[in-house]
Amino acid sequence: MNKDKCVICGVETQYDQTTSVDYRFNYVDGMGQLCSNCYKKGSTPIEHISIPKEYISKYSNDMELGGAVRQFYNQNYK
């Protein structure tokens, strides 16, 4: 079976992709499966963020989109 990978570092975890999250350790709702190292760190610098997908169609050019993403980051991740 295919193993889940850590959503932060990409290392293969001990859990099969079909294993219910109810039976896993280091699973974060809304984020996904983490390896034990990344879960223990807890204060890992943010390397990726998620933005609302509506931003892609809402902002008509890359400059506006970039400004909106930066504003979203500053409001939600700092």
Protein backbone atom coordinates (compact mmCIF):
# COMPACT_ATOMS: atom_id res chain seq x y z
CA MET A 1 0.00 0.00 0.00
CA ASN A 2 1.04 3.61 -0.52
CA LYS A 3 2.24 5.45 2.57
CA ASP A 4 1.22 9.00 3.38
CA LYS A 5 3.98 11.58 3.17
CA CYS A 6 4.59 14.40 5.65
CA VAL A 7 2.96 17.58 4.32
CA ILE A 8 5.89 19.67 5.58
CA CYS A 9 9.08 17.77 4.71
CA GLY A 10 7.77 15.06 2.35
CA VAL A 11 9.22 12.08 4.21
CA GLU A 12 7.20 8.86 4.04
CA THR A 13 5.23 8.23 7.24
CA GLN A 14 4.25 4.94 8.83
CA TYR A 15 0.61 5.29 7.80
CA ASP A 16 -1.05 3.83 4.73
CA GLN A 17 -3.08 6.38 2.78
CA THR A 18 -6.19 4.34 3.55
CA THR A 19 -5.71 4.43 7.34
CA SER A 20 -8.43 6.50 9.00
CA VAL A 21 -7.18 9.67 10.69
CA ASP A 22 -8.90 8.42 13.82
CA TYR A 23 -6.11 5.83 14.15
CA ARG A 24 -3.10 8.07 13.44
CA PHE A 25 -0.72 10.12 15.48
CA ASN A 26 0.68 13.45 14.22
CA TYR A 27 -2.31 14.17 11.97
CA VAL A 28 -3.40 17.84 11.90
CA ASP A 29 -6.97 18.61 10.79
CA GLY A 30 -7.00 21.02 7.88
CA MET A 31 -3.35 20.35 7.16
CA GLY A 32 -2.71 16.62 6.87
CA GLN A 33 -0.23 14.02 8.03
CA LEU A 34 3.04 15.08 9.60
CA CYS A 35 6.06 12.94 10.42
CA SER A 36 6.94 12.75 14.09
CA ASN A 37 9.90 15.15 13.69
CA CYS A 38 7.86 17.93 12.09
CA TYR A 39 5.02 17.40 14.55
CA LYS A 40 7.41 17.67 17.50
CA LYS A 41 9.02 20.85 16.18
CA GLY A 42 5.70 22.67 16.21
CA SER A 43 7.44 25.96 15.59
CA THR A 44 8.74 25.09 12.14
CA PRO A 45 8.97 28.23 10.02
CA ILE A 46 6.10 28.44 7.56
CA GLU A 47 7.34 27.37 4.15
CA HIS A 48 3.94 27.16 2.43
CA ILE A 49 0.65 28.93 2.87
CA SER A 50 -2.81 28.27 1.48
CA ILE A 51 -4.82 31.06 -0.06
CA PRO A 52 -8.49 31.00 -1.02
CA LYS A 53 -8.78 29.65 -4.57
CA GLU A 54 -11.10 32.54 -5.46
CA TYR A 55 -8.04 34.81 -5.46
CA ILE A 56 -6.91 33.29 -8.76
CA SER A 57 -9.98 34.49 -10.65
CA LYS A 58 -10.71 37.57 -8.52
CA TYR A 59 -7.45 39.41 -9.27
CA SER A 60 -7.02 40.13 -12.95
CA ASN A 61 -3.25 40.48 -13.09
CA ASP A 62 -0.20 39.03 -11.38
CA MET A 63 0.69 42.27 -9.58
CA GLU A 64 -2.74 42.51 -7.95
CA LEU A 65 -2.66 38.81 -7.07
CA GLY A 66 0.78 39.15 -5.52
CA GLY A 67 -0.35 42.11 -3.43
CA ALA A 68 -3.45 40.24 -2.27
CA VAL A 69 -1.40 37.16 -1.32
CA ARG A 70 1.07 39.30 0.64
CA GLN A 71 -1.80 41.02 2.48
CA PHE A 72 -3.44 37.66 3.23
CA TYR A 73 -0.12 36.35 4.60
CA ASN A 74 0.40 39.40 6.80
CA GLN A 75 -3.13 39.17 8.20
CA ASN A 76 -3.18 35.41 8.81
CA TYR A 77 0.37 34.16 9.33
CA LYS A 78 2.32 36.89 11.11
